[in-house]
Amino acid sequence: MAKERIAKFLARSGVASRREAERLIAAGHVTVNGLVVTNPATRIDENDVLAVGGWPIARREKTRLWRYHKPPGLVTTARDPQERPTVFAALPKSLPRVISVGRLDLNTEGLLLLTNDGGVARYLEHPAQSIARRYRVRTHGDPAESKMMELERGATVDGVRYRPVLISIDSRKGSNWWITVTVSEGKNREIRKLMQYAGLHVTRLIRTGYGPFELGELARGAVEEVPQRLLRRALSGYFARRDAREQGL
């Protein structure tokens, strides 16, 4: 197996994001073969013994992915300075250490992907992949048709450029609308900002799909692992690239 950077290994092992791994290394919390390392570019292989805070890190397990139906009222973080309830505190204790693929804000509900592989998380999050995120959005207001059309072409909102958005009107009752919105990037509070730009106030936001993965009938608060066969097929590009890199091709 080819050597890889220690920060990258930690992220792929699900210990922390790469940025957090770099902070742990810089703070002197990481050892390789019993020696403290402070350079995140240090390269290791399967023969090295790695530990964080004195706890040994096992060799990478097989990549796994879970679908989680996040309820509203939870923040997508391990620890919250405001001591609000978190996603990770609410997860079943039977789950291994996982990280989230992106985030859903406090009041957004629906599909949140969880994985034990930081490489998968970065692959799914990265704008270069243009992976579709689908939402059902309940809104209130009187949308400006010109603004909606602008969003579908790609718009600049408050100085931020957004890619084209797919918008489908599902139903309307008075000034209340149910809309399906599909975006291909994950900017902060993207849906709420885009709907506000079009003259609509979001009153409920549910993510129903992330790339090939769907919320489906998954109950609120439930977690379900994606079968390995489906995972390998859905992320065939990621696995092919990773395998080639590890074999030094």
C-alpha atoms as a PDB file:
ATOM      1  CA  MET A   1       0.000   0.000   0.000  1.00  0.00           C
ATOM      2  CA  ALA A   2       1.391   3.445  -0.886  1.00  0.00           C
ATOM      3  CA  LYS A   3       2.110   5.897   1.893  1.00  0.00           C
ATOM      4  CA  GLU A   4      -0.422   8.647   2.474  1.00  0.00           C
ATOM      5  CA  ARG A   5      -0.494  11.865   4.472  1.00  0.00           C
ATOM      6  CA  ILE A   6      -1.343  11.364   8.105  1.00  0.00           C
ATOM      7  CA  ALA A   7      -4.051  14.065   8.163  1.00  0.00           C
ATOM      8  CA  LYS A   8      -5.711  12.433   5.182  1.00  0.00           C
ATOM      9  CA  PHE A   9      -5.534   9.016   6.828  1.00  0.00           C
ATOM     10  CA  LEU A  10      -7.197  10.336   9.982  1.00  0.00           C
ATOM     11  CA  ALA A  11      -9.995  11.883   7.930  1.00  0.00           C
ATOM     12  CA  ARG A  12     -10.507   8.695   5.922  1.00  0.00           C
ATOM     13  CA  SER A  13     -10.607   6.715   9.154  1.00  0.00           C
ATOM     14  CA  GLY A  14     -13.513   8.825  10.408  1.00  0.00           C
ATOM     15  CA  VAL A  15     -11.529  10.223  13.344  1.00  0.00           C
ATOM     16  CA  ALA A  16     -12.102  13.837  12.308  1.00  0.00           C
ATOM     17  CA  SER A  17     -12.390  16.091   9.296  1.00  0.00           C
ATOM     18  CA  ARG A  18      -9.073  16.799   7.591  1.00  0.00           C
ATOM     19  CA  ARG A  19      -9.012  20.316   9.016  1.00  0.00           C
ATOM     20  CA  GLU A  20      -9.668  19.043  12.540  1.00  0.00           C
ATOM     21  CA  ALA A  21      -7.056  16.310  12.030  1.00  0.00           C
ATOM     22  CA  GLU A  22      -4.508  18.972  11.103  1.00  0.00           C
ATOM     23  CA  ARG A  23      -5.349  20.844  14.321  1.00  0.00           C
ATOM     24  CA  LEU A  24      -4.896  17.675  16.386  1.00  0.00           C
ATOM     25  CA  ILE A  25      -1.530  17.056  14.751  1.00  0.00           C
ATOM     26  CA  ALA A  26      -0.334  20.643  15.233  1.00  0.00           C
ATOM     27  CA  ALA A  27      -1.345  20.461  18.905  1.00  0.00           C
ATOM     28  CA  GLY A  28       0.850  17.395  19.418  1.00  0.00           C
ATOM     29  CA  HIS A  29      -1.993  14.942  20.071  1.00  0.00           C
ATOM     30  CA  VAL A  30      -0.963  12.469  17.375  1.00  0.00           C
ATOM     31  CA  THR A  31       1.829   9.894  17.550  1.00  0.00           C
ATOM     32  CA  VAL A  32       3.305   7.548  14.968  1.00  0.00           C
ATOM     33  CA  ASN A  33       5.187   4.542  16.321  1.00  0.00           C
ATOM     34  CA  GLY A  34       5.219   6.212  19.725  1.00  0.00           C
ATOM     35  CA  LEU A  35       6.685   9.512  18.532  1.00  0.00           C
ATOM     36  CA  VAL A  36       4.739  12.790  18.436  1.00  0.00           C
ATOM     37  CA  VAL A  37       4.306  14.238  14.947  1.00  0.00           C
ATOM     38  CA  THR A  38       3.345  17.845  14.275  1.00  0.00           C
ATOM     39  CA  ASN A  39       3.532  17.939  10.479  1.00  0.00           C
ATOM     40  CA  PRO A  40       0.192  17.040   8.794  1.00  0.00           C
ATOM     41  CA  ALA A  41       2.120  16.135   5.629  1.00  0.00           C
ATOM     42  CA  THR A  42       3.912  13.264   7.411  1.00  0.00           C
ATOM     43  CA  ARG A  43       3.358  10.120   5.363  1.00  0.00           C
ATOM     44  CA  ILE A  44       2.457   6.745   6.855  1.00  0.00           C
ATOM     45  CA  ASP A  45       1.593   3.275   5.637  1.00  0.00           C
ATOM     46  CA  GLU A  46      -0.051   0.132   7.030  1.00  0.00           C
ATOM     47  CA  ASN A  47       3.062  -0.803   9.017  1.00  0.00           C
ATOM     48  CA  ASP A  48       2.926   2.346  11.168  1.00  0.00           C
ATOM     49  CA  VAL A  49       1.198   2.427  14.574  1.00  0.00           C
ATOM     50  CA  LEU A  50      -0.943   5.543  14.854  1.00  0.00           C
ATOM     51  CA  ALA A  51      -2.572   6.980  17.990  1.00  0.00           C
ATOM     52  CA  VAL A  52      -4.597  10.101  18.821  1.00  0.00           C
ATOM     53  CA  GLY A  53      -4.581  11.315  22.410  1.00  0.00           C
ATOM     54  CA  GLY A  54      -2.997   8.023  23.404  1.00  0.00           C
ATOM     55  CA  TRP A  55      -5.747   5.947  21.800  1.00  0.00           C
ATOM     56  CA  PRO A  56      -4.645   3.643  18.960  1.00  0.00           C
ATOM     57  CA  ILE A  57      -6.288   4.103  15.574  1.00  0.00           C
ATOM     58  CA  ALA A  58      -7.091   0.865  13.817  1.00  0.00           C
ATOM     59  CA  ARG A  59      -6.466   0.290  10.140  1.00  0.00           C
ATOM     60  CA  ARG A  60      -9.179   1.661   7.921  1.00  0.00           C
ATOM     61  CA  GLU A  61     -12.364  -0.358   7.922  1.00  0.00           C
ATOM     62  CA  LYS A  62     -14.431  -0.863   4.818  1.00  0.00           C
ATOM     63  CA  THR A  63     -16.238   2.244   3.652  1.00  0.00           C
ATOM     64  CA  ARG A  64     -19.781   2.441   4.970  1.00  0.00           C
ATOM     65  CA  LEU A  65     -22.614   4.924   4.456  1.00  0.00           C
ATOM     66  CA  TRP A  66     -25.856   5.462   6.344  1.00  0.00           C
ATOM     67  CA  ARG A  67     -29.064   7.360   5.572  1.00  0.00           C
ATOM     68  CA  TYR A  68     -30.348   9.295   8.577  1.00  0.00           C
ATOM     69  CA  HIS A  69     -33.692  11.087   8.797  1.00  0.00           C
ATOM     70  CA  LYS A  70     -32.659  14.178  10.737  1.00  0.00           C
ATOM     71  CA  PRO A  71     -35.468  15.733  12.773  1.00  0.00           C
ATOM     72  CA  PRO A  72     -35.704  19.526  13.092  1.00  0.00           C
ATOM     73  CA  GLY A  73     -34.190  21.000  16.233  1.00  0.00           C
ATOM     74  CA  LEU A  74     -30.796  19.278  16.016  1.00  0.00           C
ATOM     75  CA  VAL A  75     -27.521  20.884  14.972  1.00  0.00           C
ATOM     76  CA  THR A  76     -25.121  18.921  12.762  1.00  0.00           C
ATOM     77  CA  THR A  77     -22.065  19.072  14.965  1.00  0.00           C
ATOM     78  CA  ALA A  78     -20.399  16.926  17.598  1.00  0.00           C
ATOM     79  CA  ARG A  79     -20.335  19.725  20.203  1.00  0.00           C
ATOM     80  CA  ASP A  80     -22.347  22.929  20.184  1.00  0.00           C
ATOM     81  CA  PRO A  81     -21.120  26.040  22.053  1.00  0.00           C
ATOM     82  CA  GLN A  82     -24.742  26.979  22.730  1.00  0.00           C
ATOM     83  CA  GLU A  83     -25.420  23.494  24.137  1.00  0.00           C
ATOM     84  CA  ARG A  84     -28.233  22.808  21.693  1.00  0.00           C
ATOM     85  CA  PRO A  85     -29.149  19.151  20.978  1.00  0.00           C
ATOM     86  CA  THR A  86     -26.863  17.629  18.352  1.00  0.00           C
ATOM     87  CA  VAL A  87     -27.268  15.028  15.636  1.00  0.00           C
ATOM     88  CA  PHE A  88     -24.407  12.940  16.971  1.00  0.00           C
ATOM     89  CA  ALA A  89     -25.822  12.796  20.499  1.00  0.00           C
ATOM     90  CA  ALA A  90     -29.125  11.584  19.052  1.00  0.00           C
ATOM     91  CA  LEU A  91     -27.645   8.774  16.947  1.00  0.00           C
ATOM     92  CA  PRO A  92     -27.931   5.162  18.131  1.00  0.00           C
ATOM     93  CA  LYS A  93     -25.000   4.128  20.329  1.00  0.00           C
ATOM     94  CA  SER A  94     -24.553   1.049  18.141  1.00  0.00           C
ATOM     95  CA  LEU A  95     -23.195   3.156  15.292  1.00  0.00           C
ATOM     96  CA  PRO A  96     -19.410   3.354  14.909  1.00  0.00           C
ATOM     97  CA  ARG A  97     -17.664   6.721  14.789  1.00  0.00           C
ATOM     98  CA  VAL A  98     -19.170   8.608  11.829  1.00  0.00           C
ATOM     99  CA  ILE A  99     -19.023  12.020  10.223  1.00  0.00           C
ATOM    100  CA  SER A 100     -21.750  13.782   8.291  1.00  0.00           C
ATOM    101  CA  VAL A 101     -21.738  14.506   4.584  1.00  0.00           C
ATOM    102  CA  GLY A 102     -22.252  18.249   4.733  1.00  0.00           C
ATOM    103  CA  ARG A 103     -24.725  19.707   7.201  1.00  0.00           C
ATOM    104  CA  LEU A 104     -28.377  20.476   7.664  1.00  0.00           C
ATOM    105  CA  ASP A 105     -29.124  23.560   9.736  1.00  0.00           C
ATOM    106  CA  LEU A 106     -31.071  23.541  12.994  1.00  0.00           C
ATOM    107  CA  ASN A 107     -34.560  23.720  11.504  1.00  0.00           C
ATOM    108  CA  THR A 108     -33.957  21.714   8.325  1.00  0.00           C
ATOM    109  CA  GLU A 109     -35.050  18.091   8.396  1.00  0.00           C
ATOM    110  CA  GLY A 110     -34.722  15.100   6.128  1.00  0.00           C
ATOM    111  CA  LEU A 111     -31.879  13.133   4.589  1.00  0.00           C
ATOM    112  CA  LEU A 112     -28.457  13.445   6.175  1.00  0.00           C
ATOM    113  CA  LEU A 113     -25.762  11.037   4.991  1.00  0.00           C
ATOM    114  CA  LEU A 114     -23.301   9.644   7.519  1.00  0.00           C
ATOM    115  CA  THR A 115     -20.070   7.810   6.766  1.00  0.00           C
ATOM    116  CA  ASN A 116     -16.990   6.358   8.426  1.00  0.00           C
ATOM    117  CA  ASP A 117     -14.840   7.489   5.487  1.00  0.00           C
ATOM    118  CA  GLY A 118     -13.742  11.121   5.267  1.00  0.00           C
ATOM    119  CA  GLY A 119     -12.783  10.624   1.624  1.00  0.00           C
ATOM    120  CA  VAL A 120     -16.359   9.718   0.731  1.00  0.00           C
ATOM    121  CA  ALA A 121     -17.662  12.747   2.625  1.00  0.00           C
ATOM    122  CA  ARG A 122     -15.352  15.110   0.731  1.00  0.00           C
ATOM    123  CA  TYR A 123     -16.184  13.461  -2.597  1.00  0.00           C
ATOM    124  CA  LEU A 124     -19.925  13.865  -2.064  1.00  0.00           C
ATOM    125  CA  GLU A 125     -19.610  17.424  -0.756  1.00  0.00           C
ATOM    126  CA  HIS A 126     -17.217  18.787  -3.375  1.00  0.00           C
ATOM    127  CA  PRO A 127     -18.773  21.242  -5.878  1.00  0.00           C
ATOM    128  CA  ALA A 128     -16.760  19.633  -8.693  1.00  0.00           C
ATOM    129  CA  GLN A 129     -19.022  16.567  -8.498  1.00  0.00           C
ATOM    130  CA  SER A 130     -22.170  18.696  -9.031  1.00  0.00           C
ATOM    131  CA  ILE A 131     -24.178  16.202  -6.991  1.00  0.00           C
ATOM    132  CA  ALA A 132     -27.861  17.085  -6.825  1.00  0.00           C
ATOM    133  CA  ARG A 133     -29.462  17.878  -3.477  1.00  0.00           C
ATOM    134  CA  ARG A 134     -33.269  17.718  -3.592  1.00  0.00           C
ATOM    135  CA  TYR A 135     -35.585  19.491  -1.164  1.00  0.00           C
ATOM    136  CA  ARG A 136     -39.303  19.808  -0.548  1.00  0.00           C
ATOM    137  CA  VAL A 137     -39.909  23.365   0.545  1.00  0.00           C
ATOM    138  CA  ARG A 138     -43.020  24.861   2.121  1.00  0.00           C
ATOM    139  CA  THR A 139     -43.061  28.585   1.559  1.00  0.00           C
ATOM    140  CA  HIS A 140     -45.283  31.579   2.185  1.00  0.00           C
ATOM    141  CA  GLY A 141     -45.561  34.631   0.003  1.00  0.00           C
ATOM    142  CA  ASP A 142     -46.066  35.813  -3.553  1.00  0.00           C
ATOM    143  CA  PRO A 143     -43.093  34.713  -5.695  1.00  0.00           C
ATOM    144  CA  ALA A 144     -41.733  37.007  -8.379  1.00  0.00           C
ATOM    145  CA  GLU A 145     -41.802  34.999 -11.600  1.00  0.00           C
ATOM    146  CA  SER A 146     -38.853  36.935 -13.020  1.00  0.00           C
ATOM    147  CA  LYS A 147     -36.767  36.095  -9.966  1.00  0.00           C
ATOM    148  CA  MET A 148     -37.717  32.417 -10.175  1.00  0.00           C
ATOM    149  CA  MET A 149     -36.648  32.334 -13.806  1.00  0.00           C
ATOM    150  CA  GLU A 150     -33.407  34.047 -12.878  1.00  0.00           C
ATOM    151  CA  LEU A 151     -32.688  31.383 -10.278  1.00  0.00           C
ATOM    152  CA  GLU A 152     -33.223  28.691 -12.884  1.00  0.00           C
ATOM    153  CA  ARG A 153     -30.551  30.298 -15.063  1.00  0.00           C
ATOM    154  CA  GLY A 154     -28.135  30.884 -12.189  1.00  0.00           C
ATOM    155  CA  ALA A 155     -28.180  34.064 -10.119  1.00  0.00           C
ATOM    156  CA  THR A 156     -26.011  36.274  -7.956  1.00  0.00           C
ATOM    157  CA  VAL A 157     -27.611  36.891  -4.555  1.00  0.00           C
ATOM    158  CA  ASP A 158     -25.994  39.254  -2.043  1.00  0.00           C
ATOM    159  CA  GLY A 159     -22.756  39.028  -3.963  1.00  0.00           C
ATOM    160  CA  VAL A 160     -22.692  35.217  -4.042  1.00  0.00           C
ATOM    161  CA  ARG A 161     -22.972  33.378  -7.358  1.00  0.00           C
ATOM    162  CA  TYR A 162     -25.308  30.373  -7.366  1.00  0.00           C
ATOM    163  CA  ARG A 163     -25.516  27.669  -9.985  1.00  0.00           C
ATOM    164  CA  PRO A 164     -28.785  27.115 -11.882  1.00  0.00           C
ATOM    165  CA  VAL A 165     -31.578  25.718  -9.720  1.00  0.00           C
ATOM    166  CA  LEU A 166     -34.386  23.376 -10.763  1.00  0.00           C
ATOM    167  CA  ILE A 167     -37.731  24.556  -9.360  1.00  0.00           C
ATOM    168  CA  SER A 168     -41.026  22.677  -9.549  1.00  0.00           C
ATOM    169  CA  ILE A 169     -44.312  23.961  -8.088  1.00  0.00           C
ATOM    170  CA  ASP A 170     -46.025  21.000  -6.404  1.00  0.00           C
ATOM    171  CA  SER A 171     -49.097  22.677  -4.919  1.00  0.00           C
ATOM    172  CA  ARG A 172     -50.526  26.003  -3.814  1.00  0.00           C
ATOM    173  CA  LYS A 173     -53.163  27.034  -1.292  1.00  0.00           C
ATOM    174  CA  GLY A 174     -53.575  30.775  -1.064  1.00  0.00           C
ATOM    175  CA  SER A 175     -50.140  32.230  -0.367  1.00  0.00           C
ATOM    176  CA  ASN A 176     -48.739  28.895   0.831  1.00  0.00           C
ATOM    177  CA  TRP A 177     -46.709  26.839  -1.629  1.00  0.00           C
ATOM    178  CA  TRP A 178     -45.051  23.440  -1.701  1.00  0.00           C
ATOM    179  CA  ILE A 179     -42.062  23.548  -4.053  1.00  0.00           C
ATOM    180  CA  THR A 180     -39.421  20.990  -5.034  1.00  0.00           C
ATOM    181  CA  VAL A 181     -36.000  22.606  -5.388  1.00  0.00           C
ATOM    182  CA  THR A 182     -32.871  20.874  -6.683  1.00  0.00           C
ATOM    183  CA  VAL A 183     -29.419  22.429  -6.285  1.00  0.00           C
ATOM    184  CA  SER A 184     -25.987  21.100  -7.215  1.00  0.00           C
ATOM    185  CA  GLU A 185     -23.864  22.663  -4.487  1.00  0.00           C
ATOM    186  CA  GLY A 186     -24.106  23.054  -0.736  1.00  0.00           C
ATOM    187  CA  LYS A 187     -23.696  26.700   0.166  1.00  0.00           C
ATOM    188  CA  ASN A 188     -24.718  27.851   3.649  1.00  0.00           C
ATOM    189  CA  ARG A 189     -28.525  28.242   4.002  1.00  0.00           C
ATOM    190  CA  GLU A 190     -28.724  28.140   0.221  1.00  0.00           C
ATOM    191  CA  ILE A 191     -32.405  27.224  -0.195  1.00  0.00           C
ATOM    192  CA  ARG A 192     -33.632  29.793   2.309  1.00  0.00           C
ATOM    193  CA  LYS A 193     -31.596  32.567   0.696  1.00  0.00           C
ATOM    194  CA  LEU A 194     -32.701  31.676  -2.831  1.00  0.00           C
ATOM    195  CA  MET A 195     -36.369  31.493  -1.886  1.00  0.00           C
ATOM    196  CA  GLN A 196     -36.115  34.816  -0.059  1.00  0.00           C
ATOM    197  CA  TYR A 197     -34.588  36.309  -3.192  1.00  0.00           C
ATOM    198  CA  ALA A 198     -37.687  35.171  -5.101  1.00  0.00           C
ATOM    199  CA  GLY A 199     -40.020  36.741  -2.528  1.00  0.00           C
ATOM    200  CA  LEU A 200     -40.830  33.608  -0.533  1.00  0.00           C
ATOM    201  CA  HIS A 201     -40.377  32.842   3.159  1.00  0.00           C
ATOM    202  CA  VAL A 202     -39.447  29.221   3.933  1.00  0.00           C
ATOM    203  CA  THR A 203     -41.621  27.726   6.672  1.00  0.00           C
ATOM    204  CA  ARG A 204     -40.474  24.109   6.330  1.00  0.00           C
ATOM    205  CA  LEU A 205     -37.474  22.567   4.595  1.00  0.00           C
ATOM    206  CA  ILE A 206     -37.011  18.832   4.009  1.00  0.00           C
ATOM    207  CA  ARG A 207     -34.095  17.305   2.132  1.00  0.00           C
ATOM    208  CA  THR A 208     -35.427  14.311   0.215  1.00  0.00           C
ATOM    209  CA  GLY A 209     -32.422  13.289  -1.849  1.00  0.00           C
ATOM    210  CA  TYR A 210     -28.656  13.568  -2.108  1.00  0.00           C
ATOM    211  CA  GLY A 211     -27.318  12.270  -5.411  1.00  0.00           C
ATOM    212  CA  PRO A 212     -28.497   8.663  -5.829  1.00  0.00           C
ATOM    213  CA  PHE A 213     -29.545   8.383  -2.177  1.00  0.00           C
ATOM    214  CA  GLU A 214     -33.174   9.034  -1.215  1.00  0.00           C
ATOM    215  CA  LEU A 215     -34.967   9.711   2.065  1.00  0.00           C
ATOM    216  CA  GLY A 216     -37.827   7.481   0.938  1.00  0.00           C
ATOM    217  CA  GLU A 217     -39.991   6.126   3.748  1.00  0.00           C
ATOM    218  CA  LEU A 218     -37.248   6.310   6.371  1.00  0.00           C
ATOM    219  CA  ALA A 219     -38.908   7.299   9.650  1.00  0.00           C
ATOM    220  CA  ARG A 220     -37.919  10.511  11.402  1.00  0.00           C
ATOM    221  CA  GLY A 221     -34.897   9.831  13.618  1.00  0.00           C
ATOM    222  CA  ALA A 222     -34.187   6.458  11.977  1.00  0.00           C
ATOM    223  CA  VAL A 223     -30.815   5.366  10.568  1.00  0.00           C
ATOM    224  CA  GLU A 224     -30.344   2.777   7.834  1.00  0.00           C
ATOM    225  CA  GLU A 225     -27.100   1.579   6.273  1.00  0.00           C
ATOM    226  CA  VAL A 226     -26.740   1.646   2.498  1.00  0.00           C
ATOM    227  CA  PRO A 227     -25.966  -1.914   1.336  1.00  0.00           C
ATOM    228  CA  GLN A 228     -22.388  -2.384   0.137  1.00  0.00           C
ATOM    229  CA  ARG A 229     -23.475  -3.485  -3.340  1.00  0.00           C
ATOM    230  CA  LEU A 230     -25.527  -0.311  -3.836  1.00  0.00           C
ATOM    231  CA  LEU A 231     -22.822   1.882  -2.298  1.00  0.00           C
ATOM    232  CA  ARG A 232     -20.097   0.541  -4.606  1.00  0.00           C
ATOM    233  CA  ARG A 233     -22.336   1.019  -7.612  1.00  0.00           C
ATOM    234  CA  ALA A 234     -23.474   4.529  -6.652  1.00  0.00           C
ATOM    235  CA  LEU A 235     -19.915   5.700  -5.921  1.00  0.00           C
ATOM    236  CA  SER A 236     -18.081   3.652  -8.542  1.00  0.00           C
ATOM    237  CA  GLY A 237     -16.090   6.684  -9.692  1.00  0.00           C
ATOM    238  CA  TYR A 238     -14.839   7.389  -6.180  1.00  0.00           C
ATOM    239  CA  PHE A 239     -13.818   3.789  -5.497  1.00  0.00           C
ATOM    240  CA  ALA A 240     -12.086   3.390  -8.861  1.00  0.00           C
ATOM    241  CA  ARG A 241     -10.055   6.533  -8.268  1.00  0.00           C
ATOM    242  CA  ARG A 242      -9.204   5.572  -4.680  1.00  0.00           C
ATOM    243  CA  ASP A 243      -8.165   2.039  -5.580  1.00  0.00           C
ATOM    244  CA  ALA A 244      -5.960   3.271  -8.399  1.00  0.00           C
ATOM    245  CA  ARG A 245      -4.302   5.827  -6.109  1.00  0.00           C
ATOM    246  CA  GLU A 246      -3.624   3.244  -3.398  1.00  0.00           C
ATOM    247  CA  GLN A 247      -2.083   0.873  -5.933  1.00  0.00           C
ATOM    248  CA  GLY A 248       0.129   3.687  -7.171  1.00  0.00           C
ATOM    249  CA  LEU A 249      -1.376   3.690 -10.665  1.00  0.00           C
END
